[in-house]
Amino acid sequence: MYAREASPRRRAYLQAQQIRFNPFRHEYNDDRPHEALNQETPASLYRPLEYPGHFEGRLVSRDSGIRRNRRRVCVTHTLAGEHVGLEEVGDGLWDAHFGPLRLGRMDERILRIEDHKGRTVRKVLPVSPD
């Protein structure tokens, strides 16, 4: 559920939680060295994704989509705020990438991204109560 869809009370709770979490996130990423990173901080090693020059970059919006020819194409909500790269592979066909990971193929005619099995919709499995 998105915060904007939540009740005002729930939204206020989520905002309060985020305010409490932000100092920890800053310390964890910017101040505290990590043994696994040779005593470097994650922020000091972070490099934004860069795509080759022939890729078209697109920012995934909060509603999980990108724009292509002024029309919306759903990518995934997990990449909201991230950049994806589109690589033209044929007439109206584009491979969608997140860094080195190929997400699938976008067909401009149907404005959907298909995975390697040709699926445009994935089922979400229920979470076990255990």
N, C-alpha and C. Protein backbone atom coordinates (compact mmCIF):
# COMPACT_ATOMS: atom_id res chain seq x y z
N MET A 1 0.84 -1.17 0.00
CA MET A 1 0.00 0.00 0.00
C MET A 1 0.89 1.24 0.00
N TYR A 2 0.54 2.22 -0.80
CA TYR A 2 1.28 3.46 -0.85
C TYR A 2 0.79 4.38 0.26
N ALA A 3 1.69 5.21 0.78
CA ALA A 3 1.34 6.12 1.86
C ALA A 3 0.19 7.03 1.46
N ARG A 4 0.15 7.45 0.19
CA ARG A 4 -0.92 8.36 -0.23
C ARG A 4 -2.28 7.68 -0.21
N GLU A 5 -2.30 6.32 -0.25
CA GLU A 5 -3.55 5.59 -0.22
C GLU A 5 -3.98 5.27 1.20
N ALA A 6 -3.11 5.46 2.14
CA ALA A 6 -3.40 5.11 3.52
C ALA A 6 -4.27 6.18 4.17
N SER A 7 -4.89 5.80 5.26
CA SER A 7 -5.69 6.78 6.00
C SER A 7 -4.77 7.86 6.56
N PRO A 8 -5.31 9.04 6.86
CA PRO A 8 -4.47 10.11 7.40
C PRO A 8 -3.72 9.67 8.67
N ARG A 9 -4.36 8.87 9.51
CA ARG A 9 -3.71 8.41 10.73
C ARG A 9 -2.53 7.49 10.40
N ARG A 10 -2.74 6.57 9.48
CA ARG A 10 -1.67 5.66 9.07
C ARG A 10 -0.54 6.44 8.39
N ARG A 11 -0.92 7.41 7.56
CA ARG A 11 0.08 8.21 6.87
C ARG A 11 0.95 8.97 7.88
N ALA A 12 0.33 9.53 8.91
CA ALA A 12 1.09 10.25 9.94
C ALA A 12 2.03 9.29 10.67
N TYR A 13 1.58 8.07 10.92
CA TYR A 13 2.42 7.06 11.58
C TYR A 13 3.63 6.73 10.70
N LEU A 14 3.40 6.52 9.41
CA LEU A 14 4.49 6.19 8.50
C LEU A 14 5.50 7.34 8.42
N GLN A 15 5.00 8.57 8.39
CA GLN A 15 5.89 9.73 8.33
C GLN A 15 6.71 9.83 9.61
N ALA A 16 6.10 9.56 10.76
CA ALA A 16 6.82 9.60 12.03
C ALA A 16 7.89 8.52 12.08
N GLN A 17 7.56 7.35 11.57
CA GLN A 17 8.54 6.25 11.52
C GLN A 17 9.72 6.64 10.64
N GLN A 18 9.45 7.25 9.50
CA GLN A 18 10.51 7.66 8.59
C GLN A 18 11.42 8.70 9.24
N ILE A 19 10.81 9.64 9.95
CA ILE A 19 11.60 10.67 10.64
C ILE A 19 12.53 10.04 11.67
N ARG A 20 12.05 9.01 12.36
CA ARG A 20 12.89 8.31 13.35
C ARG A 20 13.98 7.48 12.66
N PHE A 21 13.69 6.97 11.48
CA PHE A 21 14.63 6.09 10.79
C PHE A 21 15.75 6.86 10.09
N ASN A 22 15.47 8.08 9.64
CA ASN A 22 16.44 8.84 8.85
C ASN A 22 17.80 9.02 9.52
N PRO A 23 17.90 9.34 10.83
CA PRO A 23 19.23 9.45 11.44
C PRO A 23 20.02 8.14 11.40
N PHE A 24 19.34 7.01 11.61
CA PHE A 24 20.03 5.72 11.53
C PHE A 24 20.54 5.49 10.11
N ARG A 25 19.70 5.77 9.12
CA ARG A 25 20.10 5.57 7.72
C ARG A 25 21.32 6.42 7.39
N HIS A 26 21.31 7.67 7.86
CA HIS A 26 22.45 8.55 7.61
C HIS A 26 23.72 7.98 8.26
N GLU A 27 23.62 7.58 9.51
CA GLU A 27 24.79 7.03 10.20
C GLU A 27 25.29 5.76 9.50
N TYR A 28 24.36 4.87 9.16
CA TYR A 28 24.72 3.59 8.55
C TYR A 28 25.39 3.78 7.19
N ASN A 29 24.88 4.70 6.38
CA ASN A 29 25.40 4.87 5.02
C ASN A 29 26.53 5.88 4.90
N ASP A 30 26.54 6.92 5.75
CA ASP A 30 27.48 8.02 5.57
C ASP A 30 28.59 8.09 6.61
N ASP A 31 28.33 7.65 7.82
CA ASP A 31 29.29 7.84 8.90
C ASP A 31 30.03 6.56 9.32
N ARG A 32 29.32 5.46 9.39
CA ARG A 32 29.87 4.24 9.97
C ARG A 32 30.64 3.40 8.96
N PRO A 33 31.92 3.15 9.19
CA PRO A 33 32.66 2.26 8.28
C PRO A 33 32.19 0.81 8.44
N HIS A 34 32.29 0.05 7.36
CA HIS A 34 31.84 -1.34 7.37
C HIS A 34 33.03 -2.26 7.10
N GLU A 35 33.15 -3.27 7.93
CA GLU A 35 34.26 -4.22 7.79
C GLU A 35 34.24 -4.87 6.41
N ALA A 36 33.04 -5.25 5.95
CA ALA A 36 32.93 -5.92 4.65
C ALA A 36 33.32 -5.02 3.49
N LEU A 37 33.38 -3.72 3.74
CA LEU A 37 33.74 -2.75 2.70
C LEU A 37 35.13 -2.17 2.95
N ASN A 38 35.99 -2.94 3.63
CA ASN A 38 37.34 -2.49 3.96
C ASN A 38 37.34 -1.16 4.72
N GLN A 39 36.45 -1.06 5.67
CA GLN A 39 36.31 0.12 6.54
C GLN A 39 35.89 1.38 5.79
N GLU A 40 35.28 1.21 4.64
CA GLU A 40 34.70 2.33 3.90
C GLU A 40 33.22 2.43 4.26
N THR A 41 32.62 3.57 3.97
CA THR A 41 31.18 3.71 4.16
C THR A 41 30.48 3.38 2.84
N PRO A 42 29.24 2.88 2.91
CA PRO A 42 28.51 2.61 1.66
C PRO A 42 28.40 3.84 0.77
N ALA A 43 28.18 5.01 1.37
CA ALA A 43 28.02 6.23 0.56
C ALA A 43 29.30 6.57 -0.19
N SER A 44 30.46 6.27 0.40
CA SER A 44 31.72 6.60 -0.28
C SER A 44 31.98 5.70 -1.49
N LEU A 45 31.34 4.54 -1.53
CA LEU A 45 31.54 3.60 -2.63
C LEU A 45 30.42 3.62 -3.65
N TYR A 46 29.32 4.26 -3.31
CA TYR A 46 28.16 4.26 -4.21
C TYR A 46 28.47 5.01 -5.50
N ARG A 47 28.11 4.40 -6.61
CA ARG A 47 28.22 5.03 -7.92
C ARG A 47 26.88 4.87 -8.62
N PRO A 48 26.31 5.95 -9.12
CA PRO A 48 25.04 5.82 -9.83
C PRO A 48 25.22 4.97 -11.08
N LEU A 49 24.12 4.33 -11.48
CA LEU A 49 24.16 3.51 -12.68
C LEU A 49 24.42 4.37 -13.90
N GLU A 50 25.28 3.88 -14.77
CA GLU A 50 25.52 4.55 -16.04
C GLU A 50 25.27 3.53 -17.15
N TYR A 51 24.59 3.99 -18.16
CA TYR A 51 24.28 3.12 -19.29
C TYR A 51 25.09 3.56 -20.51
N PRO A 52 25.37 2.62 -21.42
CA PRO A 52 26.10 2.99 -22.64
C PRO A 52 25.36 4.09 -23.41
N GLY A 53 26.07 4.80 -24.24
CA GLY A 53 25.53 5.94 -24.96
C GLY A 53 24.35 5.63 -25.86
N HIS A 54 24.25 4.39 -26.35
CA HIS A 54 23.15 4.07 -27.25
C HIS A 54 21.87 3.69 -26.50
N PHE A 55 21.93 3.63 -25.17
CA PHE A 55 20.74 3.35 -24.36
C PHE A 55 19.96 4.65 -24.17
N GLU A 56 18.65 4.53 -24.03
CA GLU A 56 17.82 5.65 -23.60
C GLU A 56 17.51 5.45 -22.13
N GLY A 57 17.84 6.42 -21.30
CA GLY A 57 17.56 6.32 -19.88
C GLY A 57 16.18 6.84 -19.55
N ARG A 58 15.54 6.19 -18.59
CA ARG A 58 14.23 6.61 -18.13
C ARG A 58 14.17 6.47 -16.61
N LEU A 59 13.55 7.46 -15.95
CA LEU A 59 13.34 7.42 -14.52
C LEU A 59 12.03 6.71 -14.24
N VAL A 60 12.06 5.70 -13.36
CA VAL A 60 10.83 4.99 -12.98
C VAL A 60 10.11 5.86 -11.95
N SER A 61 8.87 6.21 -12.24
CA SER A 61 8.10 7.09 -11.37
C SER A 61 7.59 6.35 -10.14
N ARG A 62 7.03 7.10 -9.21
CA ARG A 62 6.49 6.50 -7.98
C ARG A 62 5.33 5.56 -8.29
N ASP A 63 4.68 5.74 -9.43
CA ASP A 63 3.58 4.84 -9.78
C ASP A 63 4.06 3.65 -10.60
N SER A 64 5.36 3.40 -10.59
CA SER A 64 6.02 2.21 -11.16
C SER A 64 6.18 2.25 -12.68
N GLY A 65 6.02 3.38 -13.32
CA GLY A 65 6.09 3.40 -14.76
C GLY A 65 7.15 4.33 -15.32
N ILE A 66 7.37 4.18 -16.61
CA ILE A 66 8.22 5.09 -17.38
C ILE A 66 7.37 5.64 -18.51
N ARG A 67 7.86 6.68 -19.14
CA ARG A 67 7.16 7.27 -20.29
C ARG A 67 7.91 6.92 -21.56
N ARG A 68 7.14 6.51 -22.55
CA ARG A 68 7.69 6.21 -23.88
C ARG A 68 6.72 6.78 -24.89
N ASN A 69 7.17 7.73 -25.70
CA ASN A 69 6.30 8.39 -26.68
C ASN A 69 5.04 8.94 -26.02
N ARG A 70 5.22 9.58 -24.87
CA ARG A 70 4.15 10.22 -24.09
C ARG A 70 3.13 9.24 -23.53
N ARG A 71 3.45 7.97 -23.53
CA ARG A 71 2.54 6.97 -22.97
C ARG A 71 3.26 6.22 -21.86
N ARG A 72 2.49 5.76 -20.88
CA ARG A 72 3.03 5.10 -19.70
C ARG A 72 3.26 3.62 -19.96
N VAL A 73 4.42 3.12 -19.50
CA VAL A 73 4.76 1.70 -19.57
C VAL A 73 5.10 1.27 -18.15
N CYS A 74 4.40 0.27 -17.65
CA CYS A 74 4.65 -0.22 -16.30
C CYS A 74 5.97 -0.99 -16.26
N VAL A 75 6.80 -0.70 -15.26
CA VAL A 75 8.06 -1.41 -15.06
C VAL A 75 7.90 -2.27 -13.81
N THR A 76 8.09 -1.68 -12.64
CA THR A 76 7.87 -2.33 -11.36
C THR A 76 7.97 -1.29 -10.26
N HIS A 77 7.16 -1.43 -9.24
CA HIS A 77 7.20 -0.44 -8.14
C HIS A 77 8.50 -0.54 -7.35
N THR A 78 9.18 -1.68 -7.41
CA THR A 78 10.43 -1.82 -6.66
C THR A 78 11.55 -0.95 -7.21
N LEU A 79 11.40 -0.46 -8.43
CA LEU A 79 12.43 0.42 -9.02
C LEU A 79 12.00 1.88 -9.04
N ALA A 80 10.95 2.23 -8.32
CA ALA A 80 10.51 3.62 -8.26
C ALA A 80 11.67 4.50 -7.80
N GLY A 81 11.92 5.57 -8.54
CA GLY A 81 13.01 6.49 -8.21
C GLY A 81 14.34 6.09 -8.81
N GLU A 82 14.41 4.96 -9.47
CA GLU A 82 15.64 4.49 -10.11
C GLU A 82 15.58 4.72 -11.61
N HIS A 83 16.74 4.71 -12.24
CA HIS A 83 16.81 4.84 -13.70
C HIS A 83 16.96 3.47 -14.34
N VAL A 84 16.23 3.26 -15.40
CA VAL A 84 16.39 2.05 -16.21
C VAL A 84 16.90 2.49 -17.58
N GLY A 85 17.52 1.55 -18.29
CA GLY A 85 18.03 1.83 -19.62
C GLY A 85 17.26 1.04 -20.65
N LEU A 86 16.95 1.67 -21.77
CA LEU A 86 16.27 1.00 -22.88
C LEU A 86 17.24 0.90 -24.04
N GLU A 87 17.41 -0.32 -24.54
CA GLU A 87 18.31 -0.57 -25.67
C GLU A 87 17.49 -1.07 -26.85
N GLU A 88 17.52 -0.35 -27.95
CA GLU A 88 16.76 -0.76 -29.12
C GLU A 88 17.38 -2.01 -29.73
N VAL A 89 16.55 -3.05 -29.91
CA VAL A 89 17.04 -4.32 -30.46
C VAL A 89 16.32 -4.70 -31.74
N GLY A 90 15.34 -3.92 -32.14
CA GLY A 90 14.59 -4.21 -33.36
C GLY A 90 13.58 -3.10 -33.60
N ASP A 91 12.79 -3.24 -34.63
CA ASP A 91 11.80 -2.24 -34.98
C ASP A 91 10.71 -2.20 -33.90
N GLY A 92 10.77 -1.19 -33.04
CA GLY A 92 9.79 -1.06 -31.97
C GLY A 92 10.03 -1.98 -30.79
N LEU A 93 11.16 -2.68 -30.77
CA LEU A 93 11.49 -3.58 -29.67
C LEU A 93 12.68 -3.04 -28.90
N TRP A 94 12.56 -3.03 -27.58
CA TRP A 94 13.58 -2.49 -26.71
C TRP A 94 13.81 -3.44 -25.55
N ASP A 95 15.08 -3.71 -25.24
CA ASP A 95 15.40 -4.44 -24.02
C ASP A 95 15.48 -3.43 -22.89
N ALA A 96 14.81 -3.73 -21.79
CA ALA A 96 14.82 -2.87 -20.61
C ALA A 96 15.83 -3.43 -19.62
N HIS A 97 16.71 -2.57 -19.12
CA HIS A 97 17.78 -2.98 -18.20
C HIS A 97 17.74 -2.17 -16.92
N PHE A 98 18.12 -2.81 -15.84
CA PHE A 98 18.44 -2.10 -14.60
C PHE A 98 19.88 -2.46 -14.30
N GLY A 99 20.79 -1.53 -14.61
CA GLY A 99 22.21 -1.85 -14.51
C GLY A 99 22.51 -3.00 -15.46
N PRO A 100 23.24 -4.02 -14.99
CA PRO A 100 23.57 -5.14 -15.86
C PRO A 100 22.43 -6.16 -16.01
N LEU A 101 21.35 -5.96 -15.28
CA LEU A 101 20.24 -6.92 -15.28
C LEU A 101 19.23 -6.58 -16.37
N ARG A 102 18.98 -7.55 -17.24
CA ARG A 102 17.95 -7.35 -18.27
C ARG A 102 16.60 -7.66 -17.65
N LEU A 103 15.71 -6.68 -17.63
CA LEU A 103 14.39 -6.86 -17.04
C LEU A 103 13.44 -7.57 -17.99
N GLY A 104 13.59 -7.32 -19.26
CA GLY A 104 12.70 -7.91 -20.24
C GLY A 104 12.70 -7.10 -21.52
N ARG A 105 11.77 -7.41 -22.40
CA ARG A 105 11.68 -6.74 -23.70
C ARG A 105 10.39 -5.96 -23.79
N MET A 106 10.52 -4.68 -24.19
CA MET A 106 9.35 -3.83 -24.36
C MET A 106 9.00 -3.75 -25.83
N ASP A 107 7.73 -3.97 -26.11
CA ASP A 107 7.21 -3.83 -27.46
C ASP A 107 6.42 -2.53 -27.51
N GLU A 108 6.85 -1.59 -28.34
CA GLU A 108 6.18 -0.29 -28.43
C GLU A 108 4.73 -0.40 -28.86
N ARG A 109 4.38 -1.47 -29.58
CA ARG A 109 3.01 -1.59 -30.06
C ARG A 109 2.03 -1.88 -28.93
N ILE A 110 2.47 -2.64 -27.93
CA ILE A 110 1.56 -2.96 -26.81
C ILE A 110 1.95 -2.24 -25.53
N LEU A 111 3.10 -1.56 -25.52
CA LEU A 111 3.59 -0.81 -24.36
C LEU A 111 3.60 -1.64 -23.09
N ARG A 112 4.18 -2.81 -23.21
CA ARG A 112 4.36 -3.69 -22.05
C ARG A 112 5.76 -4.29 -22.11
N ILE A 113 6.27 -4.62 -20.94
CA ILE A 113 7.57 -5.29 -20.86
C ILE A 113 7.31 -6.76 -20.58
N GLU A 114 7.80 -7.61 -21.48
CA GLU A 114 7.66 -9.06 -21.32
C GLU A 114 8.92 -9.62 -20.70
N ASP A 115 8.77 -10.60 -19.80
CA ASP A 115 9.94 -11.26 -19.23
C ASP A 115 10.46 -12.31 -20.21
N HIS A 116 11.44 -13.09 -19.78
CA HIS A 116 12.07 -14.07 -20.68
C HIS A 116 11.12 -15.20 -21.09
N LYS A 117 9.98 -15.32 -20.40
CA LYS A 117 8.99 -16.34 -20.76
C LYS A 117 7.83 -15.75 -21.55
N GLY A 118 7.93 -14.47 -21.90
CA GLY A 118 6.87 -13.83 -22.67
C GLY A 118 5.71 -13.34 -21.82
N ARG A 119 5.84 -13.34 -20.51
CA ARG A 119 4.77 -12.90 -19.62
C ARG A 119 4.84 -11.39 -19.41
N THR A 120 3.69 -10.76 -19.44
CA THR A 120 3.62 -9.33 -19.13
C THR A 120 3.06 -9.09 -17.74
N VAL A 121 2.47 -10.10 -17.13
CA VAL A 121 1.91 -9.98 -15.79
C VAL A 121 2.45 -11.13 -14.96
N ARG A 122 2.91 -10.81 -13.77
CA ARG A 122 3.39 -11.82 -12.85
C ARG A 122 2.42 -11.96 -11.69
N LYS A 123 2.19 -13.20 -11.27
CA LYS A 123 1.34 -13.42 -10.11
C LYS A 123 2.13 -13.14 -8.85
N VAL A 124 1.47 -12.52 -7.90
CA VAL A 124 2.08 -12.29 -6.61
C VAL A 124 1.61 -13.40 -5.69
N LEU A 125 2.56 -14.15 -5.16
CA LEU A 125 2.20 -15.26 -4.28
C LEU A 125 1.89 -14.74 -2.89
N PRO A 126 0.90 -15.33 -2.21
CA PRO A 126 0.59 -14.88 -0.85
C PRO A 126 1.75 -15.17 0.09
N VAL A 127 1.90 -14.31 1.07
CA VAL A 127 2.95 -14.47 2.07
C VAL A 127 2.44 -15.45 3.12
N SER A 128 3.28 -16.39 3.49
CA SER A 128 2.92 -17.37 4.50
C SER A 128 2.78 -16.69 5.85
N PRO A 129 1.75 -17.05 6.64
CA PRO A 129 1.60 -16.43 7.97
C PRO A 129 2.65 -16.90 8.96
N ASP A 130 3.41 -17.91 8.61
CA ASP A 130 4.45 -18.44 9.52
C ASP A 130 5.66 -17.56 9.57
